[in-house]
Amino acid sequence: MHLVRSVIVSFFILLTAQCQPAPQNEQLFYKGVSRGTNKNGRLEEASGLVASAFNPGLAWSLNDSGNPAEIFLLDLATAKTIKTFSLKNRENRDWEDIAAGPGPEENVNYLYIGDIGDNLGRWPVKYIYRIREPSIADPEEIADVFTMTIKMEDSPRDTEALMCDPISKNLYLVSKREHHALLYEIAFPFRGDTLVAKKILQLPIKDITAGDISIDGKEVLLKDYKHIYYWKKKGDESIPELLKTSYSELAYDSELQGEGIAWARDGSGFFTLGENARGERAKLYFYKRK
């Protein structure tokens, strides 16, 4: 019975992807402009980016796998690292993205740090570390860390995009290595020892490395190494309903190992950040809304 259900669900997801409207090419944002160069020798493999709610004009980033369990507070005007925080008693197995949004307590902004990568598709669970967003004045070591253990509904997969919906409070993961990227939903409230990321949608794009939802919940960005995809709501549809509709492909100057994208908190545009690679220092780019 379980096998039959899985086949039916997989067929429905495939059919949904095939029925999605074709993309539109719209120039909704200006060409990216450099805000500065990442010169921090400790942030060599920037693999995620999200604007800070608690610290105006700043953003959070993190390193890819094998690095210390640290998050970095960056100046969005210069790309300079303002402060580095460490997560006590946690490890960076394969951190791939960072998201910000609501959580269990009202009027509290949280950071969700995604230990969600899995290049070989071999780990039975993923981890998302939830913390109250620190202030720049807080101690550099963060001891209050809530660990969310995540199991993919179908099988282990590599995921590099993590998003938090400010309306539903749900978390979303997007797979990277399938021919059609898969969207997984972790439904709020997050109760239980192990949470299930449910496969709910197949997308007509692939190789997704980052994503972000605007603070009003109305716009979504997903990116791979060469493209940025954009969706905007027409009503009060959910994130999965929105991602079933046609997207716009935005103008993008490809970055080396571009794995970070984040909306500006005021909605004026979005930022991208790549890894330092091939001897080149990564720049922080801003794409202003027209």
Foldseek 3Di string as FASTA:
>chain_A
DVVVVVVVQVVVQVVLQVPADAAAADAQWAAWDFLEFQPDPLAQFWQEKECDPQEPQWIKTDHFAPHAQKIFIARLNYRYTPAIAHEPPDGQHTWHYKEWEDADDPPFIKIWTWSAADPPQDDQWTKIKIDGDDDSPDDRYDHDIDIAIEGEPPGRAGWREWEAQRPQRKIWTWGAPDCWIWIWIFGPPRDDNYTYTYTRHTHNDHRWQYKYAANVRFKIWIDHQQWIWIWGDPDPDHPVVRRSHHIYIYDYDGDDQWNYKYARNVRQFIWTWGGQPPPRTITIITIGGD
